Amino acid sequence: VRGRFTISKNNAKNTGYLQMNSLKPEDTAVYYCRLLSRLGTSWGQ
């Protein structure tokens, strides 16, 4: 995905992003976010 995807975050909004460009059929999947913090490990749905 290097060169096609960009990960970023907005700390003020407590939100992270994954911009995905030039998508290919092989990118088809369920995408999950994970956060490692002082409170432990959390996964999105």
PDB file of all heavy atoms in Angstrom:
ATOM      1  N   VAL A   1       0.814  -1.225   0.000  1.00  0.00           N
ATOM      2  CA  VAL A   1       0.000   0.000   0.000  1.00  0.00           C
ATOM      3  C   VAL A   1       0.844   1.269   0.000  1.00  0.00           C
ATOM      4  O   VAL A   1       0.306   2.370  -0.183  1.00  0.00           O
ATOM      5  CB  VAL A   1      -0.972   0.048   1.202  1.00  0.00           C
ATOM      6  CG1 VAL A   1      -1.765  -1.248   1.299  1.00  0.00           C
ATOM      7  CG2 VAL A   1      -0.253   0.335   2.506  1.00  0.00           C
ATOM      8  N   ARG A   2       2.152   1.131   0.181  1.00  0.00           N
ATOM      9  CA  ARG A   2       3.007   2.319   0.249  1.00  0.00           C
ATOM     10  C   ARG A   2       2.917   3.090  -1.048  1.00  0.00           C
ATOM     11  O   ARG A   2       2.996   2.531  -2.142  1.00  0.00           O
ATOM     12  CB  ARG A   2       4.448   1.918   0.531  1.00  0.00           C
ATOM     13  CG  ARG A   2       5.374   3.099   0.820  1.00  0.00           C
ATOM     14  CD  ARG A   2       6.778   2.654   1.184  1.00  0.00           C
ATOM     15  NE  ARG A   2       6.798   1.901   2.423  1.00  0.00           N
ATOM     16  CZ  ARG A   2       7.073   0.588   2.498  1.00  0.00           C
ATOM     17  NH1 ARG A   2       7.378  -0.084   1.409  1.00  0.00           N
ATOM     18  NH2 ARG A   2       7.072  -0.026   3.667  1.00  0.00           N
ATOM     19  N   GLY A   3       2.721   4.411  -0.909  1.00  0.00           N
ATOM     20  CA  GLY A   3       2.564   5.251  -2.081  1.00  0.00           C
ATOM     21  C   GLY A   3       1.121   5.423  -2.525  1.00  0.00           C
ATOM     22  O   GLY A   3       0.823   6.316  -3.324  1.00  0.00           O
ATOM     23  N   ARG A   4       0.227   4.581  -2.027  1.00  0.00           N
ATOM     24  CA  ARG A   4      -1.200   4.693  -2.368  1.00  0.00           C
ATOM     25  C   ARG A   4      -2.050   5.082  -1.158  1.00  0.00           C
ATOM     26  O   ARG A   4      -3.054   5.777  -1.308  1.00  0.00           O
ATOM     27  CB  ARG A   4      -1.711   3.355  -2.923  1.00  0.00           C
ATOM     28  CG  ARG A   4      -1.012   2.887  -4.174  1.00  0.00           C
ATOM     29  CD  ARG A   4      -1.701   1.662  -4.770  1.00  0.00           C
ATOM     30  NE  ARG A   4      -1.666   0.516  -3.883  1.00  0.00           N
ATOM     31  CZ  ARG A   4      -2.750  -0.121  -3.436  1.00  0.00           C
ATOM     32  NH1 ARG A   4      -3.958   0.278  -3.806  1.00  0.00           N
ATOM     33  NH2 ARG A   4      -2.632  -1.183  -2.638  1.00  0.00           N
ATOM     34  N   PHE A   5      -1.658   4.614   0.008  1.00  0.00           N
ATOM     35  CA  PHE A   5      -2.415   4.894   1.236  1.00  0.00           C
ATOM     36  C   PHE A   5      -1.655   5.898   2.090  1.00  0.00           C
ATOM     37  O   PHE A   5      -0.418   5.910   2.103  1.00  0.00           O
ATOM     38  CB  PHE A   5      -2.609   3.621   2.059  1.00  0.00           C
ATOM     39  CG  PHE A   5      -3.534   2.598   1.459  1.00  0.00           C
ATOM     40  CD1 PHE A   5      -4.009   2.702   0.161  1.00  0.00           C
ATOM     41  CD2 PHE A   5      -3.950   1.515   2.220  1.00  0.00           C
ATOM     42  CE1 PHE A   5      -4.863   1.751  -0.384  1.00  0.00           C
ATOM     43  CE2 PHE A   5      -4.798   0.552   1.708  1.00  0.00           C
ATOM     44  CZ  PHE A   5      -5.249   0.673   0.393  1.00  0.00           C
ATOM     45  N   THR A   6      -2.403   6.713   2.824  1.00  0.00           N
ATOM     46  CA  THR A   6      -1.803   7.663   3.750  1.00  0.00           C
ATOM     47  C   THR A   6      -2.530   7.602   5.082  1.00  0.00           C
ATOM     48  O   THR A   6      -3.750   7.784   5.131  1.00  0.00           O
ATOM     49  CB  THR A   6      -1.873   9.099   3.207  1.00  0.00           C
ATOM     50  OG1 THR A   6      -1.211   9.162   1.941  1.00  0.00           O
ATOM     51  CG2 THR A   6      -1.201  10.068   4.166  1.00  0.00           C
ATOM     52  N   ILE A   7      -1.770   7.347   6.146  1.00  0.00           N
ATOM     53  CA  ILE A   7      -2.340   7.332   7.481  1.00  0.00           C
ATOM     54  C   ILE A   7      -2.095   8.685   8.135  1.00  0.00           C
ATOM     55  O   ILE A   7      -1.034   9.290   7.950  1.00  0.00           O
ATOM     56  CB  ILE A   7      -1.744   6.182   8.331  1.00  0.00           C
ATOM     57  CG1 ILE A   7      -2.495   6.025   9.644  1.00  0.00           C
ATOM     58  CG2 ILE A   7      -0.251   6.373   8.554  1.00  0.00           C
ATOM     59  CD1 ILE A   7      -2.094   4.769  10.425  1.00  0.00           C
ATOM     60  N   SER A   8      -3.084   9.158   8.873  1.00  0.00           N
ATOM     61  CA  SER A   8      -2.947  10.449   9.542  1.00  0.00           C
ATOM     62  C   SER A   8      -3.850  10.462  10.774  1.00  0.00           C
ATOM     63  O   SER A   8      -4.620   9.528  11.006  1.00  0.00           O
ATOM     64  CB  SER A   8      -3.312  11.598   8.607  1.00  0.00           C
ATOM     65  OG  SER A   8      -4.665  11.507   8.207  1.00  0.00           O
ATOM     66  N   LYS A   9      -3.747  11.528  11.552  1.00  0.00           N
ATOM     67  CA  LYS A   9      -4.592  11.642  12.729  1.00  0.00           C
ATOM     68  C   LYS A   9      -4.810  13.105  13.065  1.00  0.00           C
ATOM     69  O   LYS A   9      -4.008  13.967  12.691  1.00  0.00           O
ATOM     70  CB  LYS A   9      -3.977  10.918  13.936  1.00  0.00           C
ATOM     71  CG  LYS A   9      -2.609  11.460  14.348  1.00  0.00           C
ATOM     72  CD  LYS A   9      -2.101  10.765  15.584  1.00  0.00           C
ATOM     73  CE  LYS A   9      -0.735  11.311  15.994  1.00  0.00           C
ATOM     74  NZ  LYS A   9      -0.320  10.846  17.324  1.00  0.00           N
ATOM     75  N   ASN A  10      -5.907  13.359  13.747  1.00  0.00           N
ATOM     76  CA  ASN A  10      -6.225  14.693  14.239  1.00  0.00           C
ATOM     77  C   ASN A  10      -6.420  14.547  15.750  1.00  0.00           C
ATOM     78  O   ASN A  10      -7.467  14.079  16.201  1.00  0.00           O
ATOM     79  CB  ASN A  10      -7.479  15.237  13.565  1.00  0.00           C
ATOM     80  CG  ASN A  10      -7.786  16.657  13.966  1.00  0.00           C
ATOM     81  OD1 ASN A  10      -7.579  17.053  15.106  1.00  0.00           O
ATOM     82  ND2 ASN A  10      -8.270  17.440  13.021  1.00  0.00           N
ATOM     83  N   ASN A  11      -5.401  14.928  16.498  1.00  0.00           N
ATOM     84  CA  ASN A  11      -5.465  14.728  17.950  1.00  0.00           C
ATOM     85  C   ASN A  11      -6.629  15.499  18.578  1.00  0.00           C
ATOM     86  O   ASN A  11      -7.264  15.021  19.518  1.00  0.00           O
ATOM     87  CB  ASN A  11      -4.150  15.154  18.593  1.00  0.00           C
ATOM     88  CG  ASN A  11      -3.005  14.247  18.219  1.00  0.00           C
ATOM     89  OD1 ASN A  11      -3.192  13.080  17.878  1.00  0.00           O
ATOM     90  ND2 ASN A  11      -1.787  14.779  18.262  1.00  0.00           N
ATOM     91  N   ALA A  12      -6.899  16.680  18.066  1.00  0.00           N
ATOM     92  CA  ALA A  12      -7.970  17.495  18.638  1.00  0.00           C
ATOM     93  C   ALA A  12      -9.343  16.853  18.462  1.00  0.00           C
ATOM     94  O   ALA A  12     -10.243  17.051  19.279  1.00  0.00           O
ATOM     95  CB  ALA A  12      -7.957  18.880  18.008  1.00  0.00           C
ATOM     96  N   LYS A  13      -9.482  16.072  17.385  1.00  0.00           N
ATOM     97  CA  LYS A  13     -10.761  15.404  17.124  1.00  0.00           C
ATOM     98  C   LYS A  13     -10.760  13.959  17.595  1.00  0.00           C
ATOM     99  O   LYS A  13     -11.742  13.243  17.389  1.00  0.00           O
ATOM    100  CB  LYS A  13     -11.084  15.458  15.630  1.00  0.00           C
ATOM    101  CG  LYS A  13     -11.343  16.865  15.096  1.00  0.00           C
ATOM    102  CD  LYS A  13     -11.770  16.815  13.638  1.00  0.00           C
ATOM    103  CE  LYS A  13     -12.108  18.215  13.131  1.00  0.00           C
ATOM    104  NZ  LYS A  13     -12.537  18.196  11.697  1.00  0.00           N
ATOM    105  N   ASN A  14      -9.630  13.515  18.173  1.00  0.00           N
ATOM    106  CA  ASN A  14      -9.528  12.120  18.632  1.00  0.00           C
ATOM    107  C   ASN A  14      -9.849  11.140  17.512  1.00  0.00           C
ATOM    108  O   ASN A  14     -10.500  10.096  17.741  1.00  0.00           O
ATOM    109  CB  ASN A  14     -10.464  11.872  19.820  1.00  0.00           C
ATOM    110  CG  ASN A  14     -10.206  12.803  20.964  1.00  0.00           C
ATOM    111  OD1 ASN A  14      -9.064  13.053  21.318  1.00  0.00           O
ATOM    112  ND2 ASN A  14     -11.271  13.358  21.536  1.00  0.00           N
ATOM    113  N   THR A  15      -9.395  11.438  16.328  1.00  0.00           N
ATOM    114  CA  THR A  15      -9.742  10.645  15.152  1.00  0.00           C
ATOM    115  C   THR A  15      -8.509  10.374  14.304  1.00  0.00           C
ATOM    116  O   THR A  15      -7.680  11.266  14.104  1.00  0.00           O
ATOM    117  CB  THR A  15     -10.805  11.362  14.314  1.00  0.00           C
ATOM    118  OG1 THR A  15     -11.965  11.605  15.127  1.00  0.00           O
ATOM    119  CG2 THR A  15     -11.215  10.515  13.118  1.00  0.00           C
ATOM    120  N   GLY A  16      -8.433   9.150  13.811  1.00  0.00           N
ATOM    121  CA  GLY A  16      -7.398   8.779  12.869  1.00  0.00           C
ATOM    122  C   GLY A  16      -8.011   8.478  11.525  1.00  0.00           C
ATOM    123  O   GLY A  16      -9.225   8.228  11.417  1.00  0.00           O
ATOM    124  N   TYR A  17      -7.178   8.506  10.502  1.00  0.00           N
ATOM    125  CA  TYR A  17      -7.682   8.339   9.142  1.00  0.00           C
ATOM    126  C   TYR A  17      -6.768   7.420   8.338  1.00  0.00           C
ATOM    127  O   TYR A  17      -5.580   7.290   8.628  1.00  0.00           O
ATOM    128  CB  TYR A  17      -7.755   9.700   8.435  1.00  0.00           C
ATOM    129  CG  TYR A  17      -8.540  10.744   9.184  1.00  0.00           C
ATOM    130  CD1 TYR A  17      -7.899  11.663  10.003  1.00  0.00           C
ATOM    131  CD2 TYR A  17      -9.927  10.808   9.078  1.00  0.00           C
ATOM    132  CE1 TYR A  17      -8.622  12.613  10.706  1.00  0.00           C
ATOM    133  CE2 TYR A  17     -10.649  11.763   9.774  1.00  0.00           C
ATOM    134  CZ  TYR A  17      -9.991  12.661  10.586  1.00  0.00           C
ATOM    135  OH  TYR A  17     -10.702  13.602  11.282  1.00  0.00           O
ATOM    136  N   LEU A  18      -7.362   6.839   7.312  1.00  0.00           N
ATOM    137  CA  LEU A  18      -6.593   6.121   6.310  1.00  0.00           C
ATOM    138  C   LEU A  18      -7.131   6.541   4.951  1.00  0.00           C
ATOM    139  O   LEU A  18      -8.240   6.145   4.576  1.00  0.00           O
ATOM    140  CB  LEU A  18      -6.697   4.603   6.494  1.00  0.00           C
ATOM    141  CG  LEU A  18      -5.803   3.790   5.556  1.00  0.00           C
ATOM    142  CD1 LEU A  18      -4.326   4.003   5.901  1.00  0.00           C
ATOM    143  CD2 LEU A  18      -6.157   2.296   5.640  1.00  0.00           C
ATOM    144  N   GLN A  19      -6.375   7.363   4.262  1.00  0.00           N
ATOM    145  CA  GLN A  19      -6.743   7.784   2.900  1.00  0.00           C
ATOM    146  C   GLN A  19      -6.220   6.727   1.941  1.00  0.00           C
ATOM    147  O   GLN A  19      -5.027   6.446   1.922  1.00  0.00           O
ATOM    148  CB  GLN A  19      -6.128   9.141   2.577  1.00  0.00           C
ATOM    149  CG  GLN A  19      -6.392   9.617   1.164  1.00  0.00           C
ATOM    150  CD  GLN A  19      -7.851   9.932   0.914  1.00  0.00           C
ATOM    151  OE1 GLN A  19      -8.523  10.550   1.738  1.00  0.00           O
ATOM    152  NE2 GLN A  19      -8.369   9.488  -0.236  1.00  0.00           N
ATOM    153  N   MET A  20      -7.121   6.169   1.157  1.00  0.00           N
ATOM    154  CA  MET A  20      -6.762   5.090   0.246  1.00  0.00           C
ATOM    155  C   MET A  20      -7.031   5.540  -1.181  1.00  0.00           C
ATOM    156  O   MET A  20      -8.182   5.817  -1.537  1.00  0.00           O
ATOM    157  CB  MET A  20      -7.569   3.831   0.572  1.00  0.00           C
ATOM    158  CG  MET A  20      -7.450   3.391   2.034  1.00  0.00           C
ATOM    159  SD  MET A  20      -8.279   1.829   2.374  1.00  0.00           S
ATOM    160  CE  MET A  20      -9.969   2.308   2.095  1.00  0.00           C
ATOM    161  N   ASN A  21      -5.980   5.627  -1.963  1.00  0.00           N
ATOM    162  CA  ASN A  21      -6.085   6.025  -3.365  1.00  0.00           C
ATOM    163  C   ASN A  21      -5.657   4.889  -4.270  1.00  0.00           C
ATOM    164  O   ASN A  21      -5.012   3.936  -3.820  1.00  0.00           O
ATOM    165  CB  ASN A  21      -5.204   7.252  -3.622  1.00  0.00           C
ATOM    166  CG  ASN A  21      -5.613   8.460  -2.797  1.00  0.00           C
ATOM    167  OD1 ASN A  21      -6.788   8.657  -2.491  1.00  0.00           O
ATOM    168  ND2 ASN A  21      -4.643   9.282  -2.435  1.00  0.00           N
ATOM    169  N   SER A  22      -5.997   5.000  -5.525  1.00  0.00           N
ATOM    170  CA  SER A  22      -5.612   3.983  -6.520  1.00  0.00           C
ATOM    171  C   SER A  22      -5.947   2.581  -6.029  1.00  0.00           C
ATOM    172  O   SER A  22      -5.129   1.659  -6.103  1.00  0.00           O
ATOM    173  CB  SER A  22      -4.109   4.091  -6.817  1.00  0.00           C
ATOM    174  OG  SER A  22      -3.784   5.382  -7.291  1.00  0.00           O
ATOM    175  N   LEU A  23      -7.149   2.434  -5.556  1.00  0.00           N
ATOM    176  CA  LEU A  23      -7.553   1.155  -4.976  1.00  0.00           C
ATOM    177  C   LEU A  23      -7.573   0.046  -6.007  1.00  0.00           C
ATOM    178  O   LEU A  23      -7.908   0.265  -7.184  1.00  0.00           O
ATOM    179  CB  LEU A  23      -8.912   1.296  -4.299  1.00  0.00           C
ATOM    180  CG  LEU A  23      -8.858   1.990  -2.932  1.00  0.00           C
ATOM    181  CD1 LEU A  23     -10.230   2.501  -2.525  1.00  0.00           C
ATOM    182  CD2 LEU A  23      -8.303   1.048  -1.878  1.00  0.00           C
ATOM    183  N   LYS A  24      -7.232  -1.148  -5.545  1.00  0.00           N
ATOM    184  CA  LYS A  24      -7.175  -2.335  -6.393  1.00  0.00           C
ATOM    185  C   LYS A  24      -8.127  -3.392  -5.838  1.00  0.00           C
ATOM    186  O   LYS A  24      -8.424  -3.390  -4.633  1.00  0.00           O
ATOM    187  CB  LYS A  24      -5.750  -2.893  -6.391  1.00  0.00           C
ATOM    188  CG  LYS A  24      -4.672  -1.908  -6.815  1.00  0.00           C
ATOM    189  CD  LYS A  24      -3.286  -2.517  -6.680  1.00  0.00           C
ATOM    190  CE  LYS A  24      -2.202  -1.541  -7.077  1.00  0.00           C
ATOM    191  NZ  LYS A  24      -0.840  -2.140  -6.949  1.00  0.00           N
ATOM    192  N   PRO A  25      -8.557  -4.315  -6.658  1.00  0.00           N
ATOM    193  CA  PRO A  25      -9.433  -5.379  -6.153  1.00  0.00           C
ATOM    194  C   PRO A  25      -8.825  -6.125  -4.969  1.00  0.00           C
ATOM    195  O   PRO A  25      -9.552  -6.550  -4.057  1.00  0.00           O
ATOM    196  CB  PRO A  25      -9.596  -6.288  -7.370  1.00  0.00           C
ATOM    197  CG  PRO A  25      -9.477  -5.362  -8.536  1.00  0.00           C
ATOM    198  CD  PRO A  25      -8.424  -4.375  -8.128  1.00  0.00           C
ATOM    199  N   GLU A  26      -7.515  -6.264  -4.957  1.00  0.00           N
ATOM    200  CA  GLU A  26      -6.866  -6.981  -3.857  1.00  0.00           C
ATOM    201  C   GLU A  26      -6.858  -6.194  -2.543  1.00  0.00           C
ATOM    202  O   GLU A  26      -6.433  -6.725  -1.512  1.00  0.00           O
ATOM    203  CB  GLU A  26      -5.436  -7.390  -4.228  1.00  0.00           C
ATOM    204  CG  GLU A  26      -4.574  -6.263  -4.768  1.00  0.00           C
ATOM    205  CD  GLU A  26      -4.548  -6.237  -6.288  1.00  0.00           C
ATOM    206  OE1 GLU A  26      -5.633  -6.411  -6.912  1.00  0.00           O
ATOM    207  OE2 GLU A  26      -3.451  -6.018  -6.854  1.00  0.00           O
ATOM    208  N   ASP A  27      -7.313  -4.956  -2.570  1.00  0.00           N
ATOM    209  CA  ASP A  27      -7.472  -4.187  -1.333  1.00  0.00           C
ATOM    210  C   ASP A  27      -8.807  -4.501  -0.645  1.00  0.00           C
ATOM    211  O   ASP A  27      -9.054  -4.013   0.461  1.00  0.00           O
ATOM    212  CB  ASP A  27      -7.407  -2.683  -1.623  1.00  0.00           C
ATOM    213  CG  ASP A  27      -6.046  -2.241  -2.117  1.00  0.00           C
ATOM    214  OD1 ASP A  27      -5.026  -2.708  -1.567  1.00  0.00           O
ATOM    215  OD2 ASP A  27      -6.006  -1.434  -3.066  1.00  0.00           O
ATOM    216  N   THR A  28      -9.637  -5.280  -1.303  1.00  0.00           N
ATOM    217  CA  THR A  28     -10.922  -5.649  -0.713  1.00  0.00           C
ATOM    218  C   THR A  28     -10.712  -6.405   0.591  1.00  0.00           C
ATOM    219  O   THR A  28      -9.996  -7.411   0.635  1.00  0.00           O
ATOM    220  CB  THR A  28     -11.726  -6.524  -1.690  1.00  0.00           C
ATOM    221  OG1 THR A  28     -12.064  -5.743  -2.835  1.00  0.00           O
ATOM    222  CG2 THR A  28     -13.001  -7.045  -1.037  1.00  0.00           C
ATOM    223  N   ALA A  29     -11.318  -5.895   1.659  1.00  0.00           N
ATOM    224  CA  ALA A  29     -11.138  -6.489   2.982  1.00  0.00           C
ATOM    225  C   ALA A  29     -11.979  -5.727   3.998  1.00  0.00           C
ATOM    226  O   ALA A  29     -12.508  -4.645   3.700  1.00  0.00           O
ATOM    227  CB  ALA A  29      -9.672  -6.441   3.397  1.00  0.00           C
ATOM    228  N   VAL A  30     -12.076  -6.303   5.177  1.00  0.00           N
ATOM    229  CA  VAL A  30     -12.589  -5.552   6.317  1.00  0.00           C
ATOM    230  C   VAL A  30     -11.395  -4.869   6.972  1.00  0.00           C
ATOM    231  O   VAL A  30     -10.395  -5.525   7.276  1.00  0.00           O
ATOM    232  CB  VAL A  30     -13.296  -6.470   7.326  1.00  0.00           C
ATOM    233  CG1 VAL A  30     -13.756  -5.667   8.541  1.00  0.00           C
ATOM    234  CG2 VAL A  30     -14.483  -7.169   6.672  1.00  0.00           C
ATOM    235  N   TYR A  31     -11.507  -3.565   7.148  1.00  0.00           N
ATOM    236  CA  TYR A  31     -10.421  -2.778   7.706  1.00  0.00           C
ATOM    237  C   TYR A  31     -10.718  -2.461   9.167  1.00  0.00           C
ATOM    238  O   TYR A  31     -11.828  -2.022   9.512  1.00  0.00           O
ATOM    239  CB  TYR A  31     -10.240  -1.488   6.914  1.00  0.00           C
ATOM    240  CG  TYR A  31      -9.542  -1.717   5.596  1.00  0.00           C
ATOM    241  CD1 TYR A  31     -10.202  -2.363   4.548  1.00  0.00           C
ATOM    242  CD2 TYR A  31      -8.227  -1.308   5.391  1.00  0.00           C
ATOM    243  CE1 TYR A  31      -9.566  -2.599   3.338  1.00  0.00           C
ATOM    244  CE2 TYR A  31      -7.582  -1.531   4.185  1.00  0.00           C
ATOM    245  CZ  TYR A  31      -8.248  -2.177   3.164  1.00  0.00           C
ATOM    246  OH  TYR A  31      -7.614  -2.417   1.971  1.00  0.00           O
ATOM    247  N   TYR A  32      -9.702  -2.650   9.995  1.00  0.00           N
ATOM    248  CA  TYR A  32      -9.824  -2.424  11.435  1.00  0.00           C
ATOM    249  C   TYR A  32      -8.792  -1.399  11.883  1.00  0.00           C
ATOM    250  O   TYR A  32      -7.650  -1.421  11.420  1.00  0.00           O
ATOM    251  CB  TYR A  32      -9.574  -3.710  12.217  1.00  0.00           C
ATOM    252  CG  TYR A  32     -10.509  -4.848  11.903  1.00  0.00           C
ATOM    253  CD1 TYR A  32     -10.239  -5.739  10.873  1.00  0.00           C
ATOM    254  CD2 TYR A  32     -11.666  -5.043  12.656  1.00  0.00           C
ATOM    255  CE1 TYR A  32     -11.082  -6.799  10.592  1.00  0.00           C
ATOM    256  CE2 TYR A  32     -12.524  -6.100  12.390  1.00  0.00           C
ATOM    257  CZ  TYR A  32     -12.222  -6.969  11.349  1.00  0.00           C
ATOM    258  OH  TYR A  32     -13.072  -8.007  11.079  1.00  0.00           O
ATOM    259  N   CYS A  33      -9.181  -0.549  12.810  1.00  0.00           N
ATOM    260  CA  CYS A  33      -8.198   0.330  13.434  1.00  0.00           C
ATOM    261  C   CYS A  33      -7.865  -0.214  14.814  1.00  0.00           C
ATOM    262  O   CYS A  33      -8.697  -0.857  15.464  1.00  0.00           O
ATOM    263  CB  CYS A  33      -8.706   1.767  13.527  1.00  0.00           C
ATOM    264  SG  CYS A  33     -10.285   1.999  14.375  1.00  0.00           S
ATOM    265  N   ARG A  34      -6.661   0.049  15.229  1.00  0.00           N
ATOM    266  CA  ARG A  34      -6.183  -0.376  16.539  1.00  0.00           C
ATOM    267  C   ARG A  34      -5.443   0.769  17.190  1.00  0.00           C
ATOM    268  O   ARG A  34      -4.697   1.491  16.527  1.00  0.00           O
ATOM    269  CB  ARG A  34      -5.247  -1.582  16.423  1.00  0.00           C
ATOM    270  CG  ARG A  34      -4.847  -2.167  17.769  1.00  0.00           C
ATOM    271  CD  ARG A  34      -3.838  -3.287  17.641  1.00  0.00           C
ATOM    272  NE  ARG A  34      -2.489  -2.774  17.437  1.00  0.00           N
ATOM    273  CZ  ARG A  34      -1.401  -3.525  17.550  1.00  0.00           C
ATOM    274  NH1 ARG A  34      -1.509  -4.814  17.860  1.00  0.00           N
ATOM    275  NH2 ARG A  34      -0.214  -3.002  17.339  1.00  0.00           N
ATOM    276  N   LEU A  35      -5.652   0.924  18.483  1.00  0.00           N
ATOM    277  CA  LEU A  35      -5.016   2.000  19.224  1.00  0.00           C
ATOM    278  C   LEU A  35      -4.258   1.416  20.412  1.00  0.00           C
ATOM    279  O   LEU A  35      -4.840   0.661  21.203  1.00  0.00           O
ATOM    280  CB  LEU A  35      -6.061   3.006  19.704  1.00  0.00           C
ATOM    281  CG  LEU A  35      -5.561   4.401  20.078  1.00  0.00           C
ATOM    282  CD1 LEU A  35      -5.006   5.118  18.856  1.00  0.00           C
ATOM    283  CD2 LEU A  35      -6.676   5.220  20.700  1.00  0.00           C
ATOM    284  N   LEU A  36      -2.985   1.758  20.511  1.00  0.00           N
ATOM    285  CA  LEU A  36      -2.167   1.380  21.663  1.00  0.00           C
ATOM    286  C   LEU A  36      -1.963   2.625  22.506  1.00  0.00           C
ATOM    287  O   LEU A  36      -1.379   3.602  22.037  1.00  0.00           O
ATOM    288  CB  LEU A  36      -0.817   0.832  21.213  1.00  0.00           C
ATOM    289  CG  LEU A  36      -0.831  -0.369  20.273  1.00  0.00           C
ATOM    290  CD1 LEU A  36       0.597  -0.748  19.879  1.00  0.00           C
ATOM    291  CD2 LEU A  36      -1.525  -1.539  20.908  1.00  0.00           C
ATOM    292  N   SER A  37      -2.438   2.591  23.739  1.00  0.00           N
ATOM    293  CA  SER A  37      -2.345   3.766  24.594  1.00  0.00           C
ATOM    294  C   SER A  37      -2.035   3.337  26.020  1.00  0.00           C
ATOM    295  O   SER A  37      -1.920   2.148  26.323  1.00  0.00           O
ATOM    296  CB  SER A  37      -3.658   4.539  24.563  1.00  0.00           C
ATOM    297  OG  SER A  37      -4.669   3.827  25.262  1.00  0.00           O
ATOM    298  N   ARG A  38      -1.976   4.322  26.899  1.00  0.00           N
ATOM    299  CA  ARG A  38      -1.731   4.035  28.315  1.00  0.00           C
ATOM    300  C   ARG A  38      -2.867   3.231  28.926  1.00  0.00           C
ATOM    301  O   ARG A  38      -2.720   2.636  29.995  1.00  0.00           O
ATOM    302  CB  ARG A  38      -1.565   5.351  29.082  1.00  0.00           C
ATOM    303  CG  ARG A  38      -2.732   6.291  28.950  1.00  0.00           C
ATOM    304  CD  ARG A  38      -2.506   7.587  29.714  1.00  0.00           C
ATOM    305  NE  ARG A  38      -3.526   8.571  29.423  1.00  0.00           N
ATOM    306  CZ  ARG A  38      -4.731   8.576  29.969  1.00  0.00           C
ATOM    307  NH1 ARG A  38      -5.053   7.633  30.840  1.00  0.00           N
ATOM    308  NH2 ARG A  38      -5.614   9.513  29.663  1.00  0.00           N
ATOM    309  N   LEU A  39      -4.001   3.206  28.207  1.00  0.00           N
ATOM    310  CA  LEU A  39      -5.166   2.461  28.702  1.00  0.00           C
ATOM    311  C   LEU A  39      -5.220   1.041  28.149  1.00  0.00           C
ATOM    312  O   LEU A  39      -6.142   0.290  28.468  1.00  0.00           O
ATOM    313  CB  LEU A  39      -6.452   3.210  28.320  1.00  0.00           C
ATOM    314  CG  LEU A  39      -6.572   4.621  28.888  1.00  0.00           C
ATOM    315  CD1 LEU A  39      -7.863   5.273  28.409  1.00  0.00           C
ATOM    316  CD2 LEU A  39      -6.517   4.594  30.411  1.00  0.00           C
ATOM    317  N   GLY A  40      -4.255   0.691  27.313  1.00  0.00           N
ATOM    318  CA  GLY A  40      -4.218  -0.648  26.767  1.00  0.00           C
ATOM    319  C   GLY A  40      -4.396  -0.661  25.262  1.00  0.00           C
ATOM    320  O   GLY A  40      -4.162   0.332  24.587  1.00  0.00           O
ATOM    321  N   THR A  41      -4.840  -1.794  24.744  1.00  0.00           N
ATOM    322  CA  THR A  41      -5.050  -1.977  23.309  1.00  0.00           C
ATOM    323  C   THR A  41      -6.538  -2.008  23.012  1.00  0.00           C
ATOM    324  O   THR A  41      -7.285  -2.736  23.672  1.00  0.00           O
ATOM    325  CB  THR A  41      -4.421  -3.295  22.840  1.00  0.00           C
ATOM    326  OG1 THR A  41      -3.022  -3.266  23.138  1.00  0.00           O
ATOM    327  CG2 THR A  41      -4.612  -3.490  21.348  1.00  0.00           C
ATOM    328  N   SER A  42      -6.932  -1.223  22.013  1.00  0.00           N
ATOM    329  CA  SER A  42      -8.337  -1.173  21.614  1.00  0.00           C
ATOM    330  C   SER A  42      -8.454  -1.411  20.120  1.00  0.00           C
ATOM    331  O   SER A  42      -7.604  -0.956  19.358  1.00  0.00           O
ATOM    332  CB  SER A  42      -8.939   0.194  21.965  1.00  0.00           C
ATOM    333  OG  SER A  42      -8.822   0.474  23.336  1.00  0.00           O
ATOM    334  N   TRP A  43      -9.521  -2.085  19.725  1.00  0.00           N
ATOM    335  CA  TRP A  43      -9.804  -2.357  18.315  1.00  0.00           C
ATOM    336  C   TRP A  43     -11.161  -1.768  17.937  1.00  0.00           C
ATOM    337  O   TRP A  43     -12.113  -1.840  18.722  1.00  0.00           O
ATOM    338  CB  TRP A  43      -9.848  -3.854  18.060  1.00  0.00           C
ATOM    339  CG  TRP A  43      -8.515  -4.533  18.056  1.00  0.00           C
ATOM    340  CD1 TRP A  43      -7.872  -5.089  19.130  1.00  0.00           C
ATOM    341  CD2 TRP A  43      -7.660  -4.749  16.919  1.00  0.00           C
ATOM    342  NE1 TRP A  43      -6.678  -5.632  18.728  1.00  0.00           N
ATOM    343  CE2 TRP A  43      -6.520  -5.450  17.383  1.00  0.00           C
ATOM    344  CE3 TRP A  43      -7.734  -4.430  15.561  1.00  0.00           C
ATOM    345  CZ2 TRP A  43      -5.466  -5.814  16.541  1.00  0.00           C
ATOM    346  CZ3 TRP A  43      -6.688  -4.805  14.730  1.00  0.00           C
ATOM    347  CH2 TRP A  43      -5.582  -5.481  15.224  1.00  0.00           C
ATOM    348  N   GLY A  44     -11.233  -1.250  16.727  1.00  0.00           N
ATOM    349  CA  GLY A  44     -12.513  -0.830  16.190  1.00  0.00           C
ATOM    350  C   GLY A  44     -13.270  -2.044  15.668  1.00  0.00           C
ATOM    351  O   GLY A  44     -12.735  -3.151  15.580  1.00  0.00           O
ATOM    352  N   GLN A  45     -14.507  -1.834  15.270  1.00  0.00           N
ATOM    353  CA  GLN A  45     -15.367  -2.938  14.882  1.00  0.00           C
ATOM    354  C   GLN A  45     -15.161  -3.388  13.441  1.00  0.00           C
ATOM    355  O   GLN A  45     -15.678  -4.428  13.064  1.00  0.00           O
ATOM    356  CB  GLN A  45     -16.843  -2.550  15.081  1.00  0.00           C
ATOM    357  CG  GLN A  45     -17.472  -1.786  13.937  1.00  0.00           C
ATOM    358  CD  GLN A  45     -17.037  -0.340  13.867  1.00  0.00           C
ATOM    359  OE1 GLN A  45     -16.154   0.126  14.580  1.00  0.00           O
ATOM    360  NE2 GLN A  45     -17.666   0.410  12.964  1.00  0.00           N
TER     361      GLN A  45
END
